[in-house]
N, C-alpha and C. Protein backbone atom coordinates (compact mmCIF):
# COMPACT_ATOMS: atom_id res chain seq x y z
N MET A 1 19.34 -14.81 -5.28
CA MET A 1 18.35 -14.35 -3.67
C MET A 1 17.49 -13.17 -4.24
N MET A 2 16.59 -13.20 -4.00
CA MET A 2 15.52 -12.37 -4.74
C MET A 2 15.25 -11.09 -3.46
N ASN A 3 14.96 -10.19 -4.12
CA ASN A 3 14.94 -9.15 -3.16
C ASN A 3 13.68 -8.66 -2.82
N GLY A 4 12.96 -7.89 -2.12
CA GLY A 4 11.64 -7.49 -1.88
C GLY A 4 10.93 -5.83 -2.22
N ILE A 5 10.51 -5.83 -2.42
CA ILE A 5 9.59 -4.51 -2.97
C ILE A 5 8.40 -4.17 -2.59
N LEU A 6 8.24 -3.21 -1.63
CA LEU A 6 7.07 -2.90 -1.12
C LEU A 6 6.32 -2.20 -1.82
N VAL A 7 5.35 -2.23 -2.26
CA VAL A 7 4.20 -1.49 -3.61
C VAL A 7 3.41 -0.59 -2.87
N ASP A 8 3.58 1.06 -3.07
CA ASP A 8 2.37 1.49 -2.56
C ASP A 8 0.93 1.44 -3.42
N SER A 9 -0.02 1.84 -2.37
CA SER A 9 -1.26 1.32 -2.91
C SER A 9 -1.93 2.67 -3.99
N CYS A 10 -0.84 3.47 -4.23
CA CYS A 10 -1.14 4.50 -5.41
C CYS A 10 -0.62 4.03 -6.57
N ILE A 11 0.05 3.03 -6.27
CA ILE A 11 0.61 2.48 -7.78
C ILE A 11 -0.51 1.07 -8.30
N LEU A 12 -0.78 0.50 -7.25
CA LEU A 12 -2.06 -0.56 -7.70
C LEU A 12 -3.31 0.00 -8.06
N LEU A 13 -3.80 1.27 -7.52
CA LEU A 13 -4.98 2.17 -7.87
C LEU A 13 -4.98 2.57 -9.56
N ASP A 14 -3.93 3.07 -10.10
CA ASP A 14 -3.37 3.63 -11.05
C ASP A 14 -3.42 2.55 -11.87
N LEU A 15 -3.22 1.37 -11.72
CA LEU A 15 -3.48 0.12 -12.40
C LEU A 15 -5.10 -0.28 -12.36
N PHE A 16 -5.64 -0.67 -11.19
CA PHE A 16 -6.91 -0.82 -11.16
C PHE A 16 -8.38 0.09 -11.56
N THR A 17 -7.80 1.39 -11.90
CA THR A 17 -8.89 2.57 -12.44
C THR A 17 -8.45 2.69 -13.86
N ASP A 18 -7.35 2.43 -14.24
CA ASP A 18 -6.75 2.38 -15.44
C ASP A 18 -6.48 4.00 -15.65
N ASP A 19 -5.65 4.86 -14.61
CA ASP A 19 -5.61 6.14 -14.52
C ASP A 19 -4.79 6.30 -15.88
N GLU A 20 -5.45 7.40 -16.27
CA GLU A 20 -4.84 7.97 -17.90
C GLU A 20 -3.61 8.60 -17.69
N ASN A 21 -3.02 9.39 -16.55
CA ASN A 21 -1.53 9.74 -16.55
C ASN A 21 -0.86 8.81 -15.99
N TRP A 22 -1.14 7.81 -14.95
CA TRP A 22 -0.10 6.92 -14.64
C TRP A 22 -0.30 5.39 -14.39
N ALA A 23 -1.15 4.96 -15.35
CA ALA A 23 -1.47 3.61 -15.33
C ALA A 23 -0.23 2.92 -16.31
N ASP A 24 0.22 3.44 -17.11
CA ASP A 24 1.42 2.83 -18.07
C ASP A 24 2.43 3.11 -17.15
N TRP A 25 2.91 4.00 -16.60
CA TRP A 25 3.96 4.29 -15.69
C TRP A 25 4.16 3.10 -14.72
N SER A 26 3.18 3.10 -14.17
CA SER A 26 2.89 1.98 -12.80
C SER A 26 2.84 0.63 -13.30
N GLU A 27 2.40 0.36 -14.70
CA GLU A 27 2.54 -0.85 -15.21
C GLU A 27 4.30 -1.23 -15.62
N ASN A 28 4.65 -0.31 -16.33
CA ASN A 28 6.05 -0.58 -16.68
C ASN A 28 7.31 -0.88 -15.42
N THR A 29 6.50 0.03 -14.19
CA THR A 29 7.65 0.20 -12.98
C THR A 29 7.35 -1.23 -12.46
N LEU A 30 5.95 -1.54 -12.29
CA LEU A 30 6.01 -3.06 -11.43
C LEU A 30 6.68 -4.34 -12.46
N GLY A 31 6.73 -4.01 -13.76
CA GLY A 31 7.15 -5.20 -14.42
C GLY A 31 8.46 -5.53 -14.37
N LYS A 32 8.86 -3.85 -14.42
CA LYS A 32 10.55 -3.93 -14.45
C LYS A 32 11.01 -4.19 -12.96
N TYR A 33 10.50 -3.93 -11.96
CA TYR A 33 11.09 -4.35 -10.36
C TYR A 33 10.53 -5.82 -10.28
N SER A 34 9.78 -6.60 -10.97
CA SER A 34 9.04 -7.51 -10.30
C SER A 34 10.21 -8.91 -11.15
N GLN A 35 11.04 -8.25 -12.01
CA GLN A 35 11.83 -9.28 -12.90
C GLN A 35 13.00 -9.71 -11.96
N ALA A 36 13.44 -9.24 -10.63
CA ALA A 36 14.29 -9.69 -9.89
C ALA A 36 14.00 -9.45 -8.71
N ASN A 37 12.49 -9.18 -8.15
CA ASN A 37 12.13 -9.25 -6.85
C ASN A 37 10.64 -9.44 -6.71
N THR A 38 10.32 -10.14 -5.11
CA THR A 38 9.21 -9.76 -5.01
C THR A 38 8.34 -8.94 -4.39
N LEU A 39 7.28 -8.88 -5.04
CA LEU A 39 6.68 -7.57 -4.93
C LEU A 39 5.52 -7.56 -3.50
N TYR A 40 5.49 -6.87 -2.64
CA TYR A 40 5.01 -6.83 -1.20
C TYR A 40 3.72 -5.67 -1.23
N ILE A 41 2.55 -6.16 -0.60
CA ILE A 41 1.83 -4.35 -0.20
C ILE A 41 1.63 -5.23 0.80
N SER A 42 1.30 -3.96 1.90
CA SER A 42 1.18 -4.06 3.52
C SER A 42 -0.52 -4.35 3.66
N SER A 43 -0.75 -4.91 4.68
CA SER A 43 -2.39 -5.06 4.75
C SER A 43 -2.96 -3.65 4.71
N ILE A 44 -2.69 -2.50 5.16
CA ILE A 44 -3.12 -1.20 5.18
C ILE A 44 -3.22 -0.76 3.92
N ALA A 45 -2.23 -1.28 2.87
CA ALA A 45 -2.18 -0.99 1.19
C ALA A 45 -3.65 -2.02 0.63
N TYR A 46 -3.37 -3.06 1.00
CA TYR A 46 -4.62 -4.08 1.12
C TYR A 46 -6.04 -3.44 1.08
N THR A 47 -6.37 -2.80 2.12
CA THR A 47 -7.41 -2.05 2.55
C THR A 47 -7.83 -1.21 1.77
N GLU A 48 -6.70 -0.47 1.27
CA GLU A 48 -6.82 1.20 0.80
C GLU A 48 -7.34 0.64 -0.93
N VAL A 49 -6.52 -0.40 -1.38
CA VAL A 49 -7.38 -0.45 -3.06
C VAL A 49 -8.70 -1.60 -2.81
N SER A 50 -8.92 -2.18 -1.82
CA SER A 50 -9.78 -3.05 -1.46
C SER A 50 -11.45 -2.39 -1.78
N ILE A 51 -11.21 -1.11 -1.21
CA ILE A 51 -12.60 -0.38 -1.29
C ILE A 51 -13.18 -0.13 -3.21
N GLY A 52 -12.36 -0.70 -3.65
CA GLY A 52 -12.70 -0.57 -5.39
C GLY A 52 -13.47 -1.66 -5.98
N PHE A 53 -13.48 -2.75 -5.17
CA PHE A 53 -13.86 -3.96 -5.32
C PHE A 53 -15.08 -4.53 -4.79
N ASN A 54 -16.18 -4.88 -5.03
CA ASN A 54 -17.42 -5.89 -4.27
C ASN A 54 -17.12 -6.80 -3.84
N ARG A 55 -16.12 -7.72 -3.74
CA ARG A 55 -16.16 -9.00 -3.39
C ARG A 55 -14.29 -9.75 -2.78
N VAL A 56 -14.03 -9.95 -1.95
CA VAL A 56 -12.94 -10.33 -1.72
C VAL A 56 -12.07 -10.93 -2.43
N GLU A 57 -12.96 -11.60 -2.97
CA GLU A 57 -12.22 -12.73 -4.17
C GLU A 57 -11.83 -11.89 -5.50
N GLU A 58 -12.28 -10.76 -5.77
CA GLU A 58 -12.03 -9.87 -6.71
C GLU A 58 -10.53 -9.23 -6.65
N VAL A 59 -10.66 -8.81 -5.18
CA VAL A 59 -9.20 -8.15 -4.59
C VAL A 59 -8.07 -9.36 -4.81
N GLU A 60 -8.31 -10.36 -4.36
CA GLU A 60 -7.34 -11.22 -4.24
C GLU A 60 -7.13 -12.00 -5.83
N SER A 61 -7.58 -11.77 -6.47
CA SER A 61 -7.63 -12.15 -8.18
C SER A 61 -6.64 -11.18 -8.54
N ALA A 62 -7.03 -9.58 -8.34
CA ALA A 62 -6.54 -8.81 -9.30
C ALA A 62 -4.78 -8.77 -8.50
N ILE A 63 -4.98 -8.84 -7.24
CA ILE A 63 -3.61 -9.00 -6.68
C ILE A 63 -2.76 -10.03 -6.96
N ASP A 64 -3.22 -11.42 -6.73
CA ASP A 64 -2.63 -12.39 -7.33
C ASP A 64 -2.16 -12.32 -8.64
N ALA A 65 -2.88 -11.67 -9.88
CA ALA A 65 -2.63 -11.26 -11.34
C ALA A 65 -0.91 -10.48 -11.11
N LEU A 66 -0.87 -9.69 -10.54
CA LEU A 66 0.17 -9.20 -10.25
C LEU A 66 1.40 -9.67 -9.78
N GLY A 67 1.21 -10.89 -9.03
CA GLY A 67 2.27 -11.44 -8.73
C GLY A 67 2.68 -10.79 -7.25
N ILE A 68 1.76 -10.10 -6.54
CA ILE A 68 2.09 -9.52 -5.25
C ILE A 68 1.77 -10.41 -3.65
N LYS A 69 2.26 -10.30 -2.91
CA LYS A 69 2.22 -10.90 -1.71
C LYS A 69 1.50 -9.62 -0.85
N VAL A 70 0.53 -10.15 0.15
CA VAL A 70 0.13 -9.56 0.95
C VAL A 70 1.00 -9.49 2.47
N LEU A 71 1.71 -8.70 3.24
CA LEU A 71 2.61 -9.03 4.30
C LEU A 71 1.57 -8.05 5.43
N GLU A 72 1.85 -8.69 6.53
CA GLU A 72 1.10 -8.52 7.99
C GLU A 72 1.95 -7.59 8.62
N ILE A 73 1.14 -6.83 9.24
CA ILE A 73 2.28 -5.62 9.73
C ILE A 73 1.98 -6.32 11.31
N PRO A 74 2.93 -6.60 11.95
CA PRO A 74 2.91 -7.17 13.35
C PRO A 74 2.31 -6.27 14.43
N ARG A 75 1.54 -7.08 15.39
CA ARG A 75 0.79 -5.81 16.23
C ARG A 75 1.98 -4.97 16.91
N GLU A 76 2.72 -5.30 17.41
CA GLU A 76 4.06 -4.45 18.14
C GLU A 76 4.19 -3.42 17.13
N ALA A 77 4.32 -3.57 15.96
CA ALA A 77 4.48 -2.20 15.02
C ALA A 77 3.21 -1.38 15.18
N LEU A 78 1.90 -2.11 14.97
CA LEU A 78 1.02 -0.93 15.10
C LEU A 78 0.89 -0.25 16.35
N PHE A 79 1.21 -1.02 17.44
CA PHE A 79 1.27 -0.30 18.55
C PHE A 79 1.77 0.73 18.40
N LEU A 80 3.37 0.63 18.23
CA LEU A 80 4.46 1.68 18.27
C LEU A 80 4.01 2.85 17.41
N ALA A 81 3.32 2.40 16.18
CA ALA A 81 2.45 3.58 15.00
C ALA A 81 1.90 4.26 15.89
N GLY A 82 0.83 3.93 16.79
CA GLY A 82 -0.28 4.35 17.45
C GLY A 82 0.55 5.20 18.60
N ARG A 83 1.50 5.15 19.46
CA ARG A 83 2.36 5.64 20.59
C ARG A 83 2.63 6.86 19.58
N ALA A 84 3.53 6.78 18.18
CA ALA A 84 4.19 7.62 17.93
C ALA A 84 3.07 8.53 17.17
N PHE A 85 2.01 8.56 16.80
CA PHE A 85 0.84 9.19 16.43
C PHE A 85 0.35 10.23 17.74
N ILE A 86 0.34 9.61 18.66
CA ILE A 86 -0.42 10.00 19.85
C ILE A 86 0.96 11.47 20.46
N LYS A 87 2.34 10.99 20.49
CA LYS A 87 3.30 11.69 20.26
C LYS A 87 2.82 13.20 19.60
N TYR A 88 2.70 12.76 18.02
CA TYR A 88 2.61 14.05 17.01
C TYR A 88 1.66 14.88 16.95
N ARG A 89 0.40 14.40 17.84
CA ARG A 89 -0.47 14.83 18.13
C ARG A 89 -0.60 15.71 18.92
N LYS A 90 0.02 15.38 20.09
CA LYS A 90 0.71 16.42 21.53
C LYS A 90 1.36 17.64 20.98
N LYS A 91 2.21 17.10 19.93
CA LYS A 91 2.95 18.19 19.68
C LYS A 91 2.59 19.26 18.36
N GLN A 92 1.13 18.69 18.10
CA GLN A 92 0.67 19.37 16.97
C GLN A 92 -0.24 20.60 17.65
N ARG A 93 -0.58 19.70 18.84
CA ARG A 93 -1.97 20.90 19.72
C ARG A 93 -0.65 22.03 20.62
N HIS A 94 0.36 21.04 21.05
CA HIS A 94 1.35 22.30 21.50
C HIS A 94 1.52 23.41 20.54
N GLN A 95 1.77 23.17 19.31
CA GLN A 95 2.34 24.12 18.61
C GLN A 95 0.74 25.06 17.82
N ASN A 96 -0.42 24.41 18.38
CA ASN A 96 -1.51 25.34 17.76
C ASN A 96 -1.80 24.93 16.47
N ILE A 97 -1.44 23.81 15.81
CA ILE A 97 -1.81 23.31 14.65
C ILE A 97 -3.08 22.41 14.11
N THR A 98 -3.80 22.64 13.80
CA THR A 98 -5.18 22.10 13.64
C THR A 98 -4.86 21.08 12.44
N ILE A 99 -5.06 19.66 12.94
CA ILE A 99 -5.01 18.92 11.55
C ILE A 99 -6.83 18.56 11.33
N ALA A 100 -6.96 18.21 10.40
CA ALA A 100 -8.18 17.99 9.61
C ALA A 100 -8.41 16.35 9.47
C-alpha cells in the first residue's frame, strides 16, 4: 500500500530556483519520501509555483518530472476555509490587531 505526502510549495520553489541553501535538502527529502509514497501538491501550491514559468506546459512538465500529482481542493473545503478566515479577521479586529 502506498501512502501520500503533501508537499509544500517552498520545497518545489527550492528546486525550481536552485536555491543555494535548500535545493539539495529539498531534492534529497523528496527522493527519500517518493520511494514509498505518492507525492502531492494542492492546487494552491500549484498556483504558487506556476508564477515562475511562462507556459502551463512548462509547469506541468516540471511537476511531472518530479512524479508529483496535483490534488484539487473540494469547494466545500474552500468555503469552510473562507468562513474560518472571516472568523479570524473578526477576532483580530476585536483585539485591535492590524493584519497587513
